[in-house]
Amino acid sequence: MDHAKALDQISEIHKHLAKSEVYRGYRSLPVAISGVVGLVAAWLQAPSLGANDPAGFVIFWAAIAAASATIGMSEIAFNYAFRETAFERRKTRLVLGQFVPSVVVVAIATIMFVRLSAALVPLLPGLWAALFGVAIFAARPHLPRATGWVGLFYFGAGAWLLWHANAAPSPWSVGGTFGVGQLFAALVLYWNLERRNGWQP
């Protein structure tokens, strides 16, 4: 058999395996900590920031989102760089790639809303939550089935926030939503992966 053809077949087998297996890179502890960061940030943010400085509100929560994402992804990044095999890295890229389109849309929408009018900023917390729900559903085939409930939570919260977006956004519209959502996601990960199989570095 042609060696190049055999290698291509092995690569295809790895791709199919990566699509069918549950991804175990996410851990409950970093995800839970990212949720706590959101709740603490909501408590610390001045309630008047959304009304008096809409651009400052967006900058504040963009920074918190970046910090939370760094915490939530820290173990994945470490394992990818130092521990994972080539097959496991392919799986990691596949799963994280499901989140990229929603993240890009969030970034573009946020920049455009702030640029066009401060009056559009109250729509952003709901939009952020709804698009995060889209990202979760995109990655759900590679995650525990119960992750779908987390996606539904973000969809529901996003819809509610958009419906009530006629007032200045409160800190809890972002920090409360994502804090509770990430704690919920951490519980799902622990209950469906770590509790049954034990934690493995």
Protein backbone atom coordinates (compact mmCIF):
# COMPACT_ATOMS: atom_id res chain seq x y z
CA MET A 1 0.00 0.00 0.00
CA ASP A 2 1.17 3.52 -0.76
CA HIS A 3 2.56 5.04 2.44
CA ALA A 4 1.12 8.49 1.66
CA LYS A 5 -2.33 6.98 1.16
CA ALA A 6 -2.03 5.02 4.40
CA LEU A 7 -1.08 8.18 6.30
CA ASP A 8 -4.05 10.02 4.81
CA GLN A 9 -6.36 7.23 5.93
CA ILE A 10 -4.92 7.33 9.45
CA SER A 11 -5.42 11.10 9.51
CA GLU A 12 -9.06 10.67 8.45
CA ILE A 13 -9.58 8.06 11.17
CA HIS A 14 -8.17 10.48 13.74
CA LYS A 15 -10.52 13.22 12.53
CA HIS A 16 -13.55 10.93 12.88
CA LEU A 17 -12.45 9.85 16.35
CA ALA A 18 -11.95 13.47 17.36
CA LYS A 19 -15.49 14.30 16.25
CA SER A 20 -17.08 11.39 18.10
CA GLU A 21 -15.30 11.57 21.47
CA VAL A 22 -16.26 13.83 24.37
CA TYR A 23 -13.64 16.51 24.86
CA ARG A 24 -12.16 16.39 28.36
CA GLY A 25 -9.96 19.48 28.20
CA TYR A 26 -12.37 21.74 30.09
CA ARG A 27 -12.09 21.45 33.86
CA SER A 28 -14.71 22.49 36.38
CA LEU A 29 -12.38 24.46 38.67
CA PRO A 30 -11.03 27.03 36.15
CA VAL A 31 -14.53 27.44 34.69
CA ALA A 32 -15.99 27.98 38.18
CA ILE A 33 -13.27 30.53 39.02
CA SER A 34 -14.08 32.44 35.82
CA GLY A 35 -17.70 32.57 36.99
CA VAL A 36 -16.68 33.90 40.41
CA VAL A 37 -14.61 36.59 38.66
CA GLY A 38 -17.76 37.72 36.84
CA LEU A 39 -19.79 37.91 40.06
CA VAL A 40 -17.06 39.81 41.92
CA ALA A 41 -16.69 42.23 38.99
CA ALA A 42 -20.45 42.88 39.03
CA TRP A 43 -20.25 43.64 42.74
CA LEU A 44 -17.25 45.97 42.28
CA GLN A 45 -18.47 47.87 39.23
CA ALA A 46 -20.05 51.24 39.92
CA PRO A 47 -23.82 50.90 39.19
CA SER A 48 -23.84 54.25 37.39
CA LEU A 49 -21.13 53.29 34.89
CA GLY A 50 -23.59 51.96 32.28
CA ALA A 51 -25.64 55.17 32.35
CA ASN A 52 -22.86 57.75 32.66
CA ASP A 53 -20.16 56.13 30.55
CA PRO A 54 -21.48 53.45 28.14
CA ALA A 55 -18.09 53.11 26.42
CA GLY A 56 -16.42 52.69 29.81
CA PHE A 57 -18.99 49.99 30.66
CA VAL A 58 -18.03 48.08 27.51
CA ILE A 59 -14.29 48.48 28.14
CA PHE A 60 -14.68 47.32 31.75
CA TRP A 61 -16.55 44.16 30.78
CA ALA A 62 -14.28 43.46 27.82
CA ALA A 63 -11.36 43.44 30.25
CA ILE A 64 -13.24 41.17 32.67
CA ALA A 65 -14.15 38.84 29.80
CA ALA A 66 -10.50 38.64 28.75
CA ALA A 67 -9.43 37.86 32.32
CA SER A 68 -12.16 35.24 32.75
CA ALA A 69 -11.32 33.61 29.42
CA THR A 70 -7.64 33.48 30.40
CA ILE A 71 -8.53 31.75 33.67
CA GLY A 72 -11.05 29.38 32.09
CA MET A 73 -8.64 28.41 29.29
CA SER A 74 -5.46 28.27 31.39
CA GLU A 75 -5.38 24.51 31.86
CA ILE A 76 -6.32 23.87 28.24
CA ALA A 77 -3.45 26.08 27.06
CA PHE A 78 -0.98 24.44 29.44
CA ASN A 79 -1.99 20.91 28.42
CA TYR A 80 -1.92 21.83 24.74
CA ALA A 81 1.61 23.20 25.03
CA PHE A 82 3.16 20.59 27.29
CA ARG A 83 1.07 17.43 27.72
CA GLU A 84 -1.20 16.62 24.81
CA THR A 85 -0.41 14.25 22.00
CA ALA A 86 -0.86 15.27 18.36
CA PHE A 87 -4.30 13.59 18.35
CA GLU A 88 -5.37 15.39 21.52
CA ARG A 89 -4.19 18.72 20.13
CA ARG A 90 -6.27 18.13 17.00
CA LYS A 91 -9.29 17.56 19.23
CA THR A 92 -8.58 20.74 21.18
CA ARG A 93 -8.35 22.80 17.99
CA LEU A 94 -11.59 21.27 16.73
CA VAL A 95 -13.55 22.09 19.88
CA LEU A 96 -12.14 25.59 20.39
CA GLY A 97 -12.71 26.32 16.72
CA GLN A 98 -16.45 25.95 17.33
CA PHE A 99 -16.33 29.05 19.55
CA VAL A 100 -14.42 31.28 17.13
CA PRO A 101 -17.31 32.43 14.88
CA SER A 102 -19.40 33.60 17.84
CA VAL A 103 -16.43 35.37 19.42
CA VAL A 104 -15.72 37.18 16.14
CA VAL A 105 -19.36 38.25 15.83
CA VAL A 106 -19.37 39.48 19.44
CA ALA A 107 -16.23 41.55 18.84
CA ILE A 108 -17.55 43.09 15.61
CA ALA A 109 -21.00 43.83 17.05
CA THR A 110 -19.51 45.37 20.18
CA ILE A 111 -17.22 47.69 18.24
CA MET A 112 -19.96 48.70 15.81
CA PHE A 113 -22.58 49.31 18.52
CA VAL A 114 -20.24 51.55 20.51
CA ARG A 115 -19.13 53.36 17.36
CA LEU A 116 -22.65 53.97 16.05
CA SER A 117 -24.44 55.09 19.19
CA ALA A 118 -24.20 54.87 22.96
CA ALA A 119 -27.95 54.16 22.89
CA LEU A 120 -27.16 50.69 21.49
CA VAL A 121 -24.94 49.67 24.41
CA PRO A 122 -27.87 48.41 26.56
CA LEU A 123 -28.44 45.73 23.89
CA LEU A 124 -24.95 44.30 24.30
CA PRO A 125 -25.38 42.22 27.51
CA GLY A 126 -28.26 40.31 25.93
CA LEU A 127 -26.43 39.90 22.65
CA TRP A 128 -23.30 38.67 24.43
CA ALA A 129 -25.28 36.08 26.38
CA ALA A 130 -27.24 34.86 23.34
CA LEU A 131 -24.12 34.49 21.18
CA PHE A 132 -22.31 32.67 23.97
CA GLY A 133 -25.24 30.26 23.97
CA VAL A 134 -24.75 29.81 20.21
CA ALA A 135 -21.07 29.00 20.81
CA ILE A 136 -21.95 26.42 23.46
CA PHE A 137 -24.42 24.70 21.15
CA ALA A 138 -21.83 24.70 18.36
CA ALA A 139 -19.38 22.84 20.64
CA ARG A 140 -22.04 20.63 22.28
CA PRO A 141 -21.37 17.55 20.06
CA HIS A 142 -17.92 17.38 21.70
CA LEU A 143 -19.08 18.13 25.25
CA PRO A 144 -21.32 16.33 27.79
CA ARG A 145 -24.95 16.26 26.65
CA ALA A 146 -26.04 18.24 29.70
CA THR A 147 -24.08 21.18 28.32
CA GLY A 148 -27.18 21.87 26.24
CA TRP A 149 -28.90 23.12 29.41
CA VAL A 150 -26.09 25.64 29.88
CA GLY A 151 -26.62 26.83 26.31
CA LEU A 152 -30.35 27.17 26.97
CA PHE A 153 -29.63 29.20 30.09
CA TYR A 154 -27.57 31.68 28.08
CA PHE A 155 -30.22 31.82 25.34
CA GLY A 156 -32.96 32.49 27.89
CA ALA A 157 -30.90 35.07 29.75
CA GLY A 158 -29.97 36.77 26.48
CA ALA A 159 -33.60 36.95 25.37
CA TRP A 160 -34.69 38.37 28.73
CA LEU A 161 -31.92 40.98 28.71
CA LEU A 162 -32.72 42.04 25.14
CA TRP A 163 -36.41 42.37 26.04
CA HIS A 164 -35.52 44.67 28.98
CA ALA A 165 -32.76 46.59 27.21
CA ASN A 166 -34.54 49.94 27.27
CA ALA A 167 -32.65 51.03 30.40
CA ALA A 168 -28.96 51.51 31.13
CA PRO A 169 -27.29 48.13 31.64
CA SER A 170 -26.58 47.14 35.21
CA PRO A 171 -23.40 45.35 36.27
CA TRP A 172 -25.44 42.25 37.08
CA SER A 173 -26.78 42.03 33.54
CA VAL A 174 -23.30 40.88 32.52
CA GLY A 175 -21.54 39.69 35.67
CA GLY A 176 -24.62 37.97 37.09
CA THR A 177 -25.49 36.24 33.83
CA PHE A 178 -22.01 34.97 33.05
CA GLY A 179 -21.13 34.29 36.68
CA VAL A 180 -24.14 32.03 37.18
CA GLY A 181 -23.74 30.53 33.71
CA GLN A 182 -20.09 29.60 34.28
CA LEU A 183 -20.83 28.10 37.69
CA PHE A 184 -23.61 26.08 36.03
CA ALA A 185 -21.15 24.94 33.33
CA ALA A 186 -18.61 23.98 36.00
CA LEU A 187 -21.24 21.88 37.76
CA VAL A 188 -22.10 20.12 34.49
CA LEU A 189 -18.43 19.36 33.80
CA TYR A 190 -17.82 18.06 37.30
CA TRP A 191 -20.98 15.97 37.45
CA ASN A 192 -20.63 14.40 34.01
CA LEU A 193 -16.86 14.00 33.68
CA GLU A 194 -14.81 14.46 36.81
CA ARG A 195 -17.17 12.93 39.39
CA ARG A 196 -17.58 9.70 37.41
CA ASN A 197 -14.08 9.29 36.06
CA GLY A 198 -11.93 11.05 38.59
CA TRP A 199 -9.71 14.04 37.91
CA GLN A 200 -6.75 13.27 35.70
CA PRO A 201 -4.09 15.88 34.89
